[in-house]
Amino acid sequence: MELDRFKITALPLRGKLMNISLRMLNGKADAEDVVQEVFLKLWQIRDKLDGYNSVEALAVMMTKNLVLDKLKARKPVAEAAGLWMQDSGEKSPAELLEQQDAVACIRRLIERLPSLQQTIIRMKDIEGYELAEIAEITGSRIEAVRTNLSRARKKIREQFIALNQSGI
């Protein structure tokens, strides 16, 4: 892909990639770093971009993966677990600790899933994407996304129940 075509194809995606990064990171400097890194990676593989059905889907996936890497590197599990919790009222410290442990356990179970299932469950259940959006971003059919999501949820549920019954 030549420079002119790269400018026409990739550069208009900057706004969308910034929005995704900002929504996930809540920091403009970090979001700009991620978007810049995505463009650098896209430029490095510019000769292969014609082989992709959607450069936009590739760029979005790269952005999300880089954001997740950045979040993993800077946040301890307990702090990240606090972001997922929905506190409906006053809870005792023991209840809060138990809830944080459960969230941390579920995060570890998600990390053990195959890569595609991890991506799909995070996009659907954490980031709130619709199935059609996930299918477009991952380059999968909606049915495949639905199947992978169902399998991932079932596996996490079964493993979580097994861990709780064994007392671990």
C-alpha atoms as a PDB file:
ATOM      1  CA  MET A   1       0.000   0.000   0.000  1.00  0.00           C
ATOM      2  CA  GLU A   2       1.421   3.336  -1.053  1.00  0.00           C
ATOM      3  CA  LEU A   3       1.565   6.402   1.203  1.00  0.00           C
ATOM      4  CA  ASP A   4      -1.311   8.199  -0.538  1.00  0.00           C
ATOM      5  CA  ARG A   5      -3.613   5.186  -0.267  1.00  0.00           C
ATOM      6  CA  PHE A   6      -2.554   4.647   3.365  1.00  0.00           C
ATOM      7  CA  LYS A   7      -3.497   8.265   4.135  1.00  0.00           C
ATOM      8  CA  ILE A   8      -6.909   7.795   2.519  1.00  0.00           C
ATOM      9  CA  THR A   9      -7.584   4.431   4.182  1.00  0.00           C
ATOM     10  CA  ALA A  10      -6.068   4.673   7.653  1.00  0.00           C
ATOM     11  CA  LEU A  11      -5.859   8.306   8.747  1.00  0.00           C
ATOM     12  CA  PRO A  12      -9.650   8.949   8.712  1.00  0.00           C
ATOM     13  CA  LEU A  13      -9.927   6.247  11.402  1.00  0.00           C
ATOM     14  CA  ARG A  14      -8.079   8.417  13.933  1.00  0.00           C
ATOM     15  CA  GLY A  15     -11.232   9.902  15.466  1.00  0.00           C
ATOM     16  CA  LYS A  16     -12.902   6.534  15.952  1.00  0.00           C
ATOM     17  CA  LEU A  17      -9.734   4.995  17.418  1.00  0.00           C
ATOM     18  CA  MET A  18      -9.326   7.965  19.780  1.00  0.00           C
ATOM     19  CA  ASN A  19     -12.916   7.573  20.974  1.00  0.00           C
ATOM     20  CA  ILE A  20     -12.373   3.886  21.687  1.00  0.00           C
ATOM     21  CA  SER A  21      -9.110   4.581  23.505  1.00  0.00           C
ATOM     22  CA  LEU A  22     -10.538   7.465  25.522  1.00  0.00           C
ATOM     23  CA  ARG A  23     -13.582   5.441  26.540  1.00  0.00           C
ATOM     24  CA  MET A  24     -11.431   2.574  27.768  1.00  0.00           C
ATOM     25  CA  LEU A  25      -8.498   4.500  29.264  1.00  0.00           C
ATOM     26  CA  ASN A  26     -10.004   7.774  30.559  1.00  0.00           C
ATOM     27  CA  GLY A  27      -6.763   9.612  29.820  1.00  0.00           C
ATOM     28  CA  LYS A  28      -6.071  11.662  26.694  1.00  0.00           C
ATOM     29  CA  ALA A  29      -2.291  11.211  26.722  1.00  0.00           C
ATOM     30  CA  ASP A  30      -2.549   7.420  27.049  1.00  0.00           C
ATOM     31  CA  ALA A  31      -5.256   7.295  24.381  1.00  0.00           C
ATOM     32  CA  GLU A  32      -3.095   9.303  21.970  1.00  0.00           C
ATOM     33  CA  ASP A  33      -0.152   6.982  22.663  1.00  0.00           C
ATOM     34  CA  VAL A  34      -2.276   3.954  21.821  1.00  0.00           C
ATOM     35  CA  VAL A  35      -3.617   5.478  18.599  1.00  0.00           C
ATOM     36  CA  GLN A  36      -0.121   6.513  17.551  1.00  0.00           C
ATOM     37  CA  GLU A  37       1.138   2.992  18.194  1.00  0.00           C
ATOM     38  CA  VAL A  38      -1.730   1.545  16.122  1.00  0.00           C
ATOM     39  CA  PHE A  39      -0.812   3.785  13.195  1.00  0.00           C
ATOM     40  CA  LEU A  40       2.838   2.792  13.499  1.00  0.00           C
ATOM     41  CA  LYS A  41       1.894  -0.892  13.441  1.00  0.00           C
ATOM     42  CA  LEU A  42      -0.438  -0.343  10.497  1.00  0.00           C
ATOM     43  CA  TRP A  43       2.328   1.458   8.640  1.00  0.00           C
ATOM     44  CA  GLN A  44       4.746  -1.394   9.358  1.00  0.00           C
ATOM     45  CA  ILE A  45       2.323  -3.902   7.820  1.00  0.00           C
ATOM     46  CA  ARG A  46       1.080  -1.593   5.037  1.00  0.00           C
ATOM     47  CA  ASP A  47       2.084  -4.104   2.350  1.00  0.00           C
ATOM     48  CA  LYS A  48      -0.270  -6.694   3.868  1.00  0.00           C
ATOM     49  CA  LEU A  49      -3.268  -4.386   4.454  1.00  0.00           C
ATOM     50  CA  ASP A  50      -4.786  -5.165   1.056  1.00  0.00           C
ATOM     51  CA  GLY A  51      -5.275  -8.751   2.255  1.00  0.00           C
ATOM     52  CA  TYR A  52      -7.701  -7.667   5.006  1.00  0.00           C
ATOM     53  CA  ASN A  53     -11.431  -7.330   4.389  1.00  0.00           C
ATOM     54  CA  SER A  54     -11.589  -4.256   6.615  1.00  0.00           C
ATOM     55  CA  VAL A  55      -8.643  -2.118   7.649  1.00  0.00           C
ATOM     56  CA  GLU A  56     -11.014  -0.363  10.041  1.00  0.00           C
ATOM     57  CA  ALA A  57     -11.864  -3.620  11.845  1.00  0.00           C
ATOM     58  CA  LEU A  58      -8.176  -4.459  12.078  1.00  0.00           C
ATOM     59  CA  ALA A  59      -7.344  -1.010  13.473  1.00  0.00           C
ATOM     60  CA  VAL A  60     -10.159  -1.209  16.033  1.00  0.00           C
ATOM     61  CA  MET A  61      -9.024  -4.665  17.167  1.00  0.00           C
ATOM     62  CA  MET A  62      -5.416  -3.481  17.431  1.00  0.00           C
ATOM     63  CA  THR A  63      -6.540  -0.458  19.457  1.00  0.00           C
ATOM     64  CA  LYS A  64      -8.537  -2.560  21.890  1.00  0.00           C
ATOM     65  CA  ASN A  65      -5.710  -5.053  22.330  1.00  0.00           C
ATOM     66  CA  LEU A  66      -3.163  -2.300  22.976  1.00  0.00           C
ATOM     67  CA  VAL A  67      -5.509  -0.625  25.475  1.00  0.00           C
ATOM     68  CA  LEU A  68      -6.031  -3.933  27.280  1.00  0.00           C
ATOM     69  CA  ASP A  69      -2.253  -4.463  27.392  1.00  0.00           C
ATOM     70  CA  LYS A  70      -1.804  -0.968  28.814  1.00  0.00           C
ATOM     71  CA  LEU A  71      -4.501  -1.562  31.438  1.00  0.00           C
ATOM     72  CA  LYS A  72      -3.011  -4.904  32.467  1.00  0.00           C
ATOM     73  CA  ALA A  73       0.407  -3.343  32.852  1.00  0.00           C
ATOM     74  CA  ARG A  74      -0.671  -0.495  35.095  1.00  0.00           C
ATOM     75  CA  LYS A  75      -3.595  -1.736  37.223  1.00  0.00           C
ATOM     76  CA  PRO A  76      -3.437  -4.335  39.939  1.00  0.00           C
ATOM     77  CA  VAL A  77      -6.256  -6.870  39.770  1.00  0.00           C
ATOM     78  CA  ALA A  78      -7.928  -5.612  42.949  1.00  0.00           C
ATOM     79  CA  GLU A  79      -8.133  -2.055  41.609  1.00  0.00           C
ATOM     80  CA  ALA A  80      -9.488  -3.208  38.249  1.00  0.00           C
ATOM     81  CA  ALA A  81     -11.996  -5.437  40.029  1.00  0.00           C
ATOM     82  CA  GLY A  82     -13.375  -2.365  41.770  1.00  0.00           C
ATOM     83  CA  LEU A  83     -14.280  -0.873  38.383  1.00  0.00           C
ATOM     84  CA  TRP A  84     -16.486  -3.858  37.530  1.00  0.00           C
ATOM     85  CA  MET A  85     -18.419  -3.863  40.756  1.00  0.00           C
ATOM     86  CA  GLN A  86     -21.808  -2.224  40.971  1.00  0.00           C
ATOM     87  CA  ASP A  87     -22.367  -1.234  44.567  1.00  0.00           C
ATOM     88  CA  SER A  88     -26.077  -1.111  45.285  1.00  0.00           C
ATOM     89  CA  GLY A  89     -25.728   0.126  48.870  1.00  0.00           C
ATOM     90  CA  GLU A  90     -23.711  -0.201  52.009  1.00  0.00           C
ATOM     91  CA  LYS A  91     -21.742  -3.418  52.278  1.00  0.00           C
ATOM     92  CA  SER A  92     -19.569  -4.699  55.016  1.00  0.00           C
ATOM     93  CA  PRO A  93     -15.816  -4.964  54.421  1.00  0.00           C
ATOM     94  CA  ALA A  94     -16.190  -8.766  54.369  1.00  0.00           C
ATOM     95  CA  GLU A  95     -18.857  -8.570  51.645  1.00  0.00           C
ATOM     96  CA  LEU A  96     -16.734  -6.168  49.625  1.00  0.00           C
ATOM     97  CA  LEU A  97     -13.717  -8.434  49.927  1.00  0.00           C
ATOM     98  CA  GLU A  98     -15.769 -11.453  48.891  1.00  0.00           C
ATOM     99  CA  GLN A  99     -17.128  -9.573  45.889  1.00  0.00           C
ATOM    100  CA  GLN A 100     -13.620  -8.432  44.874  1.00  0.00           C
ATOM    101  CA  ASP A 101     -12.356 -12.007  45.181  1.00  0.00           C
ATOM    102  CA  ALA A 102     -15.185 -13.248  42.969  1.00  0.00           C
ATOM    103  CA  VAL A 103     -14.473 -10.592  40.343  1.00  0.00           C
ATOM    104  CA  ALA A 104     -10.743 -11.393  40.412  1.00  0.00           C
ATOM    105  CA  CYS A 105     -11.537 -15.091  40.039  1.00  0.00           C
ATOM    106  CA  ILE A 106     -13.789 -14.407  37.046  1.00  0.00           C
ATOM    107  CA  ARG A 107     -11.071 -12.236  35.469  1.00  0.00           C
ATOM    108  CA  ARG A 108      -8.590 -15.116  35.827  1.00  0.00           C
ATOM    109  CA  LEU A 109     -11.112 -17.506  34.286  1.00  0.00           C
ATOM    110  CA  ILE A 110     -11.651 -15.122  31.363  1.00  0.00           C
ATOM    111  CA  GLU A 111      -7.875 -14.941  30.827  1.00  0.00           C
ATOM    112  CA  ARG A 112      -7.797 -18.753  30.457  1.00  0.00           C
ATOM    113  CA  LEU A 113     -10.317 -18.704  27.602  1.00  0.00           C
ATOM    114  CA  PRO A 114      -9.193 -18.950  23.976  1.00  0.00           C
ATOM    115  CA  SER A 115      -8.236 -15.562  22.566  1.00  0.00           C
ATOM    116  CA  LEU A 116     -11.348 -15.081  20.426  1.00  0.00           C
ATOM    117  CA  GLN A 117     -13.681 -15.989  23.294  1.00  0.00           C
ATOM    118  CA  GLN A 118     -11.792 -13.581  25.601  1.00  0.00           C
ATOM    119  CA  THR A 119     -12.202 -10.776  23.095  1.00  0.00           C
ATOM    120  CA  ILE A 120     -15.881 -11.484  22.500  1.00  0.00           C
ATOM    121  CA  ILE A 121     -16.850 -11.757  26.179  1.00  0.00           C
ATOM    122  CA  ARG A 122     -14.968  -8.565  27.049  1.00  0.00           C
ATOM    123  CA  MET A 123     -16.504  -6.651  24.166  1.00  0.00           C
ATOM    124  CA  LYS A 124     -20.056  -7.834  24.936  1.00  0.00           C
ATOM    125  CA  ASP A 125     -20.192  -8.035  28.726  1.00  0.00           C
ATOM    126  CA  ILE A 126     -17.695  -5.375  29.744  1.00  0.00           C
ATOM    127  CA  GLU A 127     -17.655  -2.819  26.938  1.00  0.00           C
ATOM    128  CA  GLY A 128     -21.307  -3.265  25.915  1.00  0.00           C
ATOM    129  CA  TYR A 129     -20.883  -3.857  22.191  1.00  0.00           C
ATOM    130  CA  GLU A 130     -23.727  -5.389  20.191  1.00  0.00           C
ATOM    131  CA  LEU A 131     -23.258  -8.764  18.501  1.00  0.00           C
ATOM    132  CA  ALA A 132     -23.243  -7.200  15.016  1.00  0.00           C
ATOM    133  CA  GLU A 133     -20.478  -4.774  16.020  1.00  0.00           C
ATOM    134  CA  ILE A 134     -18.415  -7.588  17.519  1.00  0.00           C
ATOM    135  CA  ALA A 135     -18.886  -9.661  14.365  1.00  0.00           C
ATOM    136  CA  GLU A 136     -17.684  -6.784  12.201  1.00  0.00           C
ATOM    137  CA  ILE A 137     -14.662  -6.029  14.382  1.00  0.00           C
ATOM    138  CA  THR A 138     -13.573  -9.656  14.720  1.00  0.00           C
ATOM    139  CA  GLY A 139     -14.379 -10.544  11.127  1.00  0.00           C
ATOM    140  CA  SER A 140     -16.729 -13.335  12.245  1.00  0.00           C
ATOM    141  CA  ARG A 141     -20.357 -14.144  11.492  1.00  0.00           C
ATOM    142  CA  ILE A 142     -22.942 -13.095  14.092  1.00  0.00           C
ATOM    143  CA  GLU A 143     -23.833 -16.748  14.688  1.00  0.00           C
ATOM    144  CA  ALA A 144     -20.187 -17.556  15.427  1.00  0.00           C
ATOM    145  CA  VAL A 145     -19.974 -14.628  17.855  1.00  0.00           C
ATOM    146  CA  ARG A 146     -23.166 -15.761  19.609  1.00  0.00           C
ATOM    147  CA  THR A 147     -21.855 -19.354  19.848  1.00  0.00           C
ATOM    148  CA  ASN A 148     -18.448 -18.276  21.166  1.00  0.00           C
ATOM    149  CA  LEU A 149     -20.059 -15.952  23.707  1.00  0.00           C
ATOM    150  CA  SER A 150     -22.372 -18.699  24.927  1.00  0.00           C
ATOM    151  CA  ARG A 151     -19.527 -21.207  25.220  1.00  0.00           C
ATOM    152  CA  ALA A 152     -17.314 -18.714  27.048  1.00  0.00           C
ATOM    153  CA  ARG A 153     -20.045 -17.819  29.549  1.00  0.00           C
ATOM    154  CA  LYS A 154     -20.889 -21.489  30.136  1.00  0.00           C
ATOM    155  CA  LYS A 155     -17.252 -22.417  30.692  1.00  0.00           C
ATOM    156  CA  ILE A 156     -16.691 -19.539  33.135  1.00  0.00           C
ATOM    157  CA  ARG A 157     -19.913 -20.350  35.003  1.00  0.00           C
ATOM    158  CA  GLU A 158     -19.016 -24.053  35.316  1.00  0.00           C
ATOM    159  CA  GLN A 159     -15.452 -23.342  36.445  1.00  0.00           C
ATOM    160  CA  PHE A 160     -16.566 -20.657  38.910  1.00  0.00           C
ATOM    161  CA  ILE A 161     -19.149 -22.976  40.470  1.00  0.00           C
ATOM    162  CA  ALA A 162     -16.596 -25.798  40.653  1.00  0.00           C
ATOM    163  CA  LEU A 163     -14.072 -23.519  42.374  1.00  0.00           C
ATOM    164  CA  ASN A 164     -16.653 -22.309  44.894  1.00  0.00           C
ATOM    165  CA  GLN A 165     -17.823 -25.836  45.678  1.00  0.00           C
ATOM    166  CA  SER A 166     -14.274 -27.024  46.237  1.00  0.00           C
ATOM    167  CA  GLY A 167     -13.686 -24.121  48.623  1.00  0.00           C
ATOM    168  CA  ILE A 168     -10.740 -22.630  46.738  1.00  0.00           C
END
